[in-house]
């Protein structure tokens, strides 16, 4: 089933990276399939991932003094599919993407979650599917079984599910530093030809 609106959350600082090429391939796929989308480019936006004292003082009220946080939450609540494009650094998502989760996921009925008796009740259930596209020097089996399972176990099956995003798919490109140009090109072709659906 085709999404009515997608959101790409892109987290990489270098335009010459494979991640940036993956972003272009995903955008090509969405355009080909006629799926409207918005793009959050955390580094290009100059997003500040760490709380300052003032913003942390607003946390308990679900408020922010960062206009990007308000913008990002609005985009999340206005889509039904989200595509994360990120490297894996030291077995987990980078600090920039972790800061995006930390700061954007505000508590409150009209926000990302509320606190229930037994934990977090997610309100991003408008997002019916999440794709998590990662690159790393480590292969997928190593990240899953030998390095703490930070992507599938923690980010997808814990954090995203807590926020109400119940269905997600992990697509990983490992051994990136030793990958041949031919292997990279083949992977980019796969990403451009793929259909991102809900």
C-alpha atoms as a PDB file:
ATOM      1  CA  UNK A   1       0.000   0.000   0.000  1.00  0.00           C
ATOM      2  CA  UNK A   2       1.404   3.363  -1.027  1.00  0.00           C
ATOM      3  CA  UNK A   3       2.046   5.995   1.616  1.00  0.00           C
ATOM      4  CA  UNK A   4       0.120   9.251   1.356  1.00  0.00           C
ATOM      5  CA  UNK A   5       3.100  11.233   2.681  1.00  0.00           C
ATOM      6  CA  UNK A   6       6.610  10.158   3.586  1.00  0.00           C
ATOM      7  CA  UNK A   7       9.232  11.788   5.761  1.00  0.00           C
ATOM      8  CA  UNK A   8      12.959  11.216   5.301  1.00  0.00           C
ATOM      9  CA  UNK A   9      15.163  11.791   8.342  1.00  0.00           C
ATOM     10  CA  UNK A  10      18.725  12.029   7.048  1.00  0.00           C
ATOM     11  CA  UNK A  11      21.729  12.051   9.366  1.00  0.00           C
ATOM     12  CA  UNK A  12      25.146  12.428   7.769  1.00  0.00           C
ATOM     13  CA  UNK A  13      27.418  15.473   7.601  1.00  0.00           C
ATOM     14  CA  UNK A  14      29.263  14.734   4.344  1.00  0.00           C
ATOM     15  CA  UNK A  15      27.761  15.198   0.895  1.00  0.00           C
ATOM     16  CA  UNK A  16      30.362  12.819  -0.576  1.00  0.00           C
ATOM     17  CA  UNK A  17      29.251   9.879   1.562  1.00  0.00           C
ATOM     18  CA  UNK A  18      27.463   6.722   0.525  1.00  0.00           C
ATOM     19  CA  UNK A  19      24.663   7.813   2.845  1.00  0.00           C
ATOM     20  CA  UNK A  20      24.173  10.941   0.741  1.00  0.00           C
ATOM     21  CA  UNK A  21      23.986   8.810  -2.392  1.00  0.00           C
ATOM     22  CA  UNK A  22      21.428   6.585  -0.657  1.00  0.00           C
ATOM     23  CA  UNK A  23      19.378   9.693   0.098  1.00  0.00           C
ATOM     24  CA  UNK A  24      19.360  10.562  -3.602  1.00  0.00           C
ATOM     25  CA  UNK A  25      18.329   7.020  -4.536  1.00  0.00           C
ATOM     26  CA  UNK A  26      15.465   7.008  -2.036  1.00  0.00           C
ATOM     27  CA  UNK A  27      14.254  10.400  -3.236  1.00  0.00           C
ATOM     28  CA  UNK A  28      14.301   9.099  -6.828  1.00  0.00           C
ATOM     29  CA  UNK A  29      12.196   6.112  -5.797  1.00  0.00           C
ATOM     30  CA  UNK A  30       9.611   8.229  -4.004  1.00  0.00           C
ATOM     31  CA  UNK A  31       9.374  10.657  -6.929  1.00  0.00           C
ATOM     32  CA  UNK A  32       8.985   7.798  -9.411  1.00  0.00           C
ATOM     33  CA  UNK A  33       6.162   6.313  -7.335  1.00  0.00           C
ATOM     34  CA  UNK A  34       4.466   9.697  -6.894  1.00  0.00           C
ATOM     35  CA  UNK A  35       4.839   9.681  -3.104  1.00  0.00           C
ATOM     36  CA  UNK A  36       5.035  13.224  -1.700  1.00  0.00           C
ATOM     37  CA  UNK A  37       7.688  13.583   0.971  1.00  0.00           C
ATOM     38  CA  UNK A  38       9.444  15.988   3.284  1.00  0.00           C
ATOM     39  CA  UNK A  39      13.138  15.897   4.150  1.00  0.00           C
ATOM     40  CA  UNK A  40      14.756  16.531   7.505  1.00  0.00           C
ATOM     41  CA  UNK A  41      18.498  16.942   6.928  1.00  0.00           C
ATOM     42  CA  UNK A  42      19.754  17.275  10.484  1.00  0.00           C
ATOM     43  CA  UNK A  43      23.262  18.493   9.678  1.00  0.00           C
ATOM     44  CA  UNK A  44      22.229  20.858   6.884  1.00  0.00           C
ATOM     45  CA  UNK A  45      19.541  22.294   9.167  1.00  0.00           C
ATOM     46  CA  UNK A  46      22.137  23.062  11.823  1.00  0.00           C
ATOM     47  CA  UNK A  47      20.133  21.087  14.380  1.00  0.00           C
ATOM     48  CA  UNK A  48      21.556  21.241  17.906  1.00  0.00           C
ATOM     49  CA  UNK A  49      21.142  17.730  19.357  1.00  0.00           C
ATOM     50  CA  UNK A  50      21.982  18.555  22.973  1.00  0.00           C
ATOM     51  CA  UNK A  51      19.612  20.168  25.446  1.00  0.00           C
ATOM     52  CA  UNK A  52      20.630  23.523  26.848  1.00  0.00           C
ATOM     53  CA  UNK A  53      19.562  24.593  30.327  1.00  0.00           C
ATOM     54  CA  UNK A  54      16.613  26.673  29.118  1.00  0.00           C
ATOM     55  CA  UNK A  55      15.109  23.980  26.934  1.00  0.00           C
ATOM     56  CA  UNK A  56      15.538  21.284  29.561  1.00  0.00           C
ATOM     57  CA  UNK A  57      13.615  23.481  31.984  1.00  0.00           C
ATOM     58  CA  UNK A  58      10.674  23.274  29.533  1.00  0.00           C
ATOM     59  CA  UNK A  59      10.810  19.478  29.211  1.00  0.00           C
ATOM     60  CA  UNK A  60       8.243  18.613  31.881  1.00  0.00           C
ATOM     61  CA  UNK A  61       5.674  20.828  30.120  1.00  0.00           C
ATOM     62  CA  UNK A  62       6.363  19.273  26.708  1.00  0.00           C
ATOM     63  CA  UNK A  63       7.588  22.618  25.414  1.00  0.00           C
ATOM     64  CA  UNK A  64      10.642  23.757  23.478  1.00  0.00           C
ATOM     65  CA  UNK A  65      12.540  26.920  22.646  1.00  0.00           C
ATOM     66  CA  UNK A  66      13.998  25.354  19.489  1.00  0.00           C
ATOM     67  CA  UNK A  67      11.904  26.125  16.386  1.00  0.00           C
ATOM     68  CA  UNK A  68      13.363  23.110  14.568  1.00  0.00           C
ATOM     69  CA  UNK A  69      11.960  20.799  17.255  1.00  0.00           C
ATOM     70  CA  UNK A  70       8.452  22.166  16.685  1.00  0.00           C
ATOM     71  CA  UNK A  71       8.887  21.895  12.916  1.00  0.00           C
ATOM     72  CA  UNK A  72      10.190  18.324  13.118  1.00  0.00           C
ATOM     73  CA  UNK A  73       7.388  17.141  15.389  1.00  0.00           C
ATOM     74  CA  UNK A  74       4.829  18.650  13.008  1.00  0.00           C
ATOM     75  CA  UNK A  75       6.391  16.767  10.092  1.00  0.00           C
ATOM     76  CA  UNK A  76       6.372  13.509  12.061  1.00  0.00           C
ATOM     77  CA  UNK A  77       2.696  13.919  12.921  1.00  0.00           C
ATOM     78  CA  UNK A  78       1.876  14.718   9.285  1.00  0.00           C
ATOM     79  CA  UNK A  79       3.327  11.619   7.622  1.00  0.00           C
ATOM     80  CA  UNK A  80       2.391   7.958   7.525  1.00  0.00           C
ATOM     81  CA  UNK A  81       5.831   6.612   6.610  1.00  0.00           C
ATOM     82  CA  UNK A  82       9.284   7.612   7.841  1.00  0.00           C
ATOM     83  CA  UNK A  83      12.626   6.644   6.308  1.00  0.00           C
ATOM     84  CA  UNK A  84      15.742   7.039   8.442  1.00  0.00           C
ATOM     85  CA  UNK A  85      19.053   7.187   6.569  1.00  0.00           C
ATOM     86  CA  UNK A  86      22.022   7.034   8.911  1.00  0.00           C
ATOM     87  CA  UNK A  87      25.418   5.504   9.521  1.00  0.00           C
ATOM     88  CA  UNK A  88      25.994   3.235  12.488  1.00  0.00           C
ATOM     89  CA  UNK A  89      28.738   4.643  14.696  1.00  0.00           C
ATOM     90  CA  UNK A  90      30.069   2.522  17.540  1.00  0.00           C
ATOM     91  CA  UNK A  91      27.228   0.019  17.198  1.00  0.00           C
ATOM     92  CA  UNK A  92      24.333   2.491  17.453  1.00  0.00           C
ATOM     93  CA  UNK A  93      22.760   5.568  15.922  1.00  0.00           C
ATOM     94  CA  UNK A  94      24.947   8.720  15.884  1.00  0.00           C
ATOM     95  CA  UNK A  95      24.652  11.370  18.585  1.00  0.00           C
ATOM     96  CA  UNK A  96      22.915  13.727  16.136  1.00  0.00           C
ATOM     97  CA  UNK A  97      20.089  11.260  15.504  1.00  0.00           C
ATOM     98  CA  UNK A  98      19.885  10.342  19.192  1.00  0.00           C
ATOM     99  CA  UNK A  99      19.549  14.054  19.959  1.00  0.00           C
ATOM    100  CA  UNK A 100      16.752  14.295  17.388  1.00  0.00           C
ATOM    101  CA  UNK A 101      14.869  11.611  19.346  1.00  0.00           C
ATOM    102  CA  UNK A 102      15.747  13.146  22.721  1.00  0.00           C
ATOM    103  CA  UNK A 103      14.611  16.661  21.847  1.00  0.00           C
ATOM    104  CA  UNK A 104      11.786  16.143  19.349  1.00  0.00           C
ATOM    105  CA  UNK A 105       9.824  13.442  21.173  1.00  0.00           C
ATOM    106  CA  UNK A 106       7.966  15.667  23.623  1.00  0.00           C
ATOM    107  CA  UNK A 107       5.492  14.506  26.245  1.00  0.00           C
ATOM    108  CA  UNK A 108       1.850  15.579  26.003  1.00  0.00           C
ATOM    109  CA  UNK A 109      -1.449  14.542  24.469  1.00  0.00           C
ATOM    110  CA  UNK A 110      -0.742  16.510  21.278  1.00  0.00           C
ATOM    111  CA  UNK A 111       2.920  15.535  21.300  1.00  0.00           C
ATOM    112  CA  UNK A 112       4.879  12.318  20.698  1.00  0.00           C
ATOM    113  CA  UNK A 113       3.890  10.424  23.837  1.00  0.00           C
ATOM    114  CA  UNK A 114       2.295  10.474  27.252  1.00  0.00           C
ATOM    115  CA  UNK A 115       3.334   8.609  30.366  1.00  0.00           C
ATOM    116  CA  UNK A 116       1.153   5.660  31.311  1.00  0.00           C
ATOM    117  CA  UNK A 117       1.083   3.504  34.412  1.00  0.00           C
ATOM    118  CA  UNK A 118       3.358   0.913  32.825  1.00  0.00           C
ATOM    119  CA  UNK A 119       5.514   3.168  30.653  1.00  0.00           C
ATOM    120  CA  UNK A 120       5.381   5.349  27.569  1.00  0.00           C
ATOM    121  CA  UNK A 121       2.218   5.549  25.441  1.00  0.00           C
ATOM    122  CA  UNK A 122       3.253   6.581  21.932  1.00  0.00           C
ATOM    123  CA  UNK A 123       1.189   9.003  19.870  1.00  0.00           C
ATOM    124  CA  UNK A 124       3.030   8.681  16.553  1.00  0.00           C
ATOM    125  CA  UNK A 125       0.755   5.839  15.476  1.00  0.00           C
ATOM    126  CA  UNK A 126      -0.059   7.843  12.343  1.00  0.00           C
ATOM    127  CA  UNK A 127       3.302   6.483  11.104  1.00  0.00           C
ATOM    128  CA  UNK A 128       2.390   3.054   9.801  1.00  0.00           C
ATOM    129  CA  UNK A 129       5.854   2.010   8.626  1.00  0.00           C
ATOM    130  CA  UNK A 130       9.447   2.991   9.324  1.00  0.00           C
ATOM    131  CA  UNK A 131      12.421   2.070   7.196  1.00  0.00           C
ATOM    132  CA  UNK A 132      15.852   2.275   8.799  1.00  0.00           C
ATOM    133  CA  UNK A 133      18.622   2.391   6.173  1.00  0.00           C
ATOM    134  CA  UNK A 134      22.065   2.072   7.729  1.00  0.00           C
ATOM    135  CA  UNK A 135      25.694   1.787   6.676  1.00  0.00           C
ATOM    136  CA  UNK A 136      28.582   0.562   8.807  1.00  0.00           C
ATOM    137  CA  UNK A 137      31.981  -1.038   8.752  1.00  0.00           C
ATOM    138  CA  UNK A 138      30.353  -3.941  10.622  1.00  0.00           C
ATOM    139  CA  UNK A 139      28.073  -6.455   8.905  1.00  0.00           C
ATOM    140  CA  UNK A 140      24.486  -6.864  10.039  1.00  0.00           C
ATOM    141  CA  UNK A 141      25.024 -10.169  11.889  1.00  0.00           C
ATOM    142  CA  UNK A 142      27.787  -8.595  13.988  1.00  0.00           C
ATOM    143  CA  UNK A 143      25.626  -5.626  14.969  1.00  0.00           C
ATOM    144  CA  UNK A 144      22.737  -7.928  15.891  1.00  0.00           C
ATOM    145  CA  UNK A 145      24.433 -10.758  17.694  1.00  0.00           C
ATOM    146  CA  UNK A 146      27.797  -9.502  18.915  1.00  0.00           C
ATOM    147  CA  UNK A 147      27.493  -5.745  19.443  1.00  0.00           C
ATOM    148  CA  UNK A 148      24.316  -5.275  21.498  1.00  0.00           C
ATOM    149  CA  UNK A 149      21.712  -5.109  18.696  1.00  0.00           C
ATOM    150  CA  UNK A 150      21.504  -1.321  18.999  1.00  0.00           C
ATOM    151  CA  UNK A 151      19.628  -0.760  15.741  1.00  0.00           C
ATOM    152  CA  UNK A 152      17.004  -3.490  15.582  1.00  0.00           C
ATOM    153  CA  UNK A 153      16.764  -4.254  19.284  1.00  0.00           C
ATOM    154  CA  UNK A 154      16.995  -0.797  20.826  1.00  0.00           C
ATOM    155  CA  UNK A 155      16.178   1.822  18.179  1.00  0.00           C
ATOM    156  CA  UNK A 156      13.494  -0.064  16.251  1.00  0.00           C
ATOM    157  CA  UNK A 157      11.953  -2.587  18.624  1.00  0.00           C
ATOM    158  CA  UNK A 158      12.146  -0.386  21.716  1.00  0.00           C
ATOM    159  CA  UNK A 159      12.294   3.349  20.936  1.00  0.00           C
ATOM    160  CA  UNK A 160      10.219   3.469  17.746  1.00  0.00           C
ATOM    161  CA  UNK A 161       7.624   1.044  19.135  1.00  0.00           C
ATOM    162  CA  UNK A 162       7.351   3.063  22.343  1.00  0.00           C
ATOM    163  CA  UNK A 163       6.550   6.087  20.194  1.00  0.00           C
ATOM    164  CA  UNK A 164       3.730   4.217  18.431  1.00  0.00           C
ATOM    165  CA  UNK A 165       5.600   3.148  15.279  1.00  0.00           C
ATOM    166  CA  UNK A 166       4.841  -0.558  15.370  1.00  0.00           C
ATOM    167  CA  UNK A 167       6.148  -1.733  12.004  1.00  0.00           C
ATOM    168  CA  UNK A 168       9.683  -1.127  10.838  1.00  0.00           C
ATOM    169  CA  UNK A 169      12.216  -2.639   8.455  1.00  0.00           C
ATOM    170  CA  UNK A 170      15.997  -2.534   8.720  1.00  0.00           C
ATOM    171  CA  UNK A 171      18.047  -2.400   5.504  1.00  0.00           C
ATOM    172  CA  UNK A 172      21.788  -2.489   6.127  1.00  0.00           C
ATOM    173  CA  UNK A 173      24.907  -2.034   3.993  1.00  0.00           C
ATOM    174  CA  UNK A 174      27.869  -3.451   5.912  1.00  0.00           C
ATOM    175  CA  UNK A 175      31.627  -3.471   5.357  1.00  0.00           C
ATOM    176  CA  UNK A 176      31.235  -0.054   3.784  1.00  0.00           C
ATOM    177  CA  UNK A 177      34.904   0.942   4.008  1.00  0.00           C
ATOM    178  CA  UNK A 178      36.005  -2.046   1.938  1.00  0.00           C
ATOM    179  CA  UNK A 179      33.081  -2.057  -0.495  1.00  0.00           C
ATOM    180  CA  UNK A 180      33.956  -1.965  -4.187  1.00  0.00           C
ATOM    181  CA  UNK A 181      32.506   0.729  -6.441  1.00  0.00           C
ATOM    182  CA  UNK A 182      30.524  -1.998  -8.208  1.00  0.00           C
ATOM    183  CA  UNK A 183      28.947  -3.204  -4.959  1.00  0.00           C
ATOM    184  CA  UNK A 184      28.039   0.363  -3.955  1.00  0.00           C
ATOM    185  CA  UNK A 185      26.536   1.042  -7.373  1.00  0.00           C
ATOM    186  CA  UNK A 186      24.483  -2.160  -7.235  1.00  0.00           C
ATOM    187  CA  UNK A 187      23.157  -1.255  -3.800  1.00  0.00           C
ATOM    188  CA  UNK A 188      22.214   2.264  -4.893  1.00  0.00           C
ATOM    189  CA  UNK A 189      20.367   0.795  -7.868  1.00  0.00           C
ATOM    190  CA  UNK A 190      18.438  -1.470  -5.477  1.00  0.00           C
ATOM    191  CA  UNK A 191      17.479   1.493  -3.315  1.00  0.00           C
ATOM    192  CA  UNK A 192      16.382   3.542  -6.327  1.00  0.00           C
ATOM    193  CA  UNK A 193      14.322   0.670  -7.742  1.00  0.00           C
ATOM    194  CA  UNK A 194      12.756  -0.289  -4.407  1.00  0.00           C
ATOM    195  CA  UNK A 195       9.198   0.623  -3.490  1.00  0.00           C
ATOM    196  CA  UNK A 196       8.811   2.149  -0.038  1.00  0.00           C
ATOM    197  CA  UNK A 197       5.298   1.231   0.987  1.00  0.00           C
ATOM    198  CA  UNK A 198       3.240   0.900   4.128  1.00  0.00           C
END
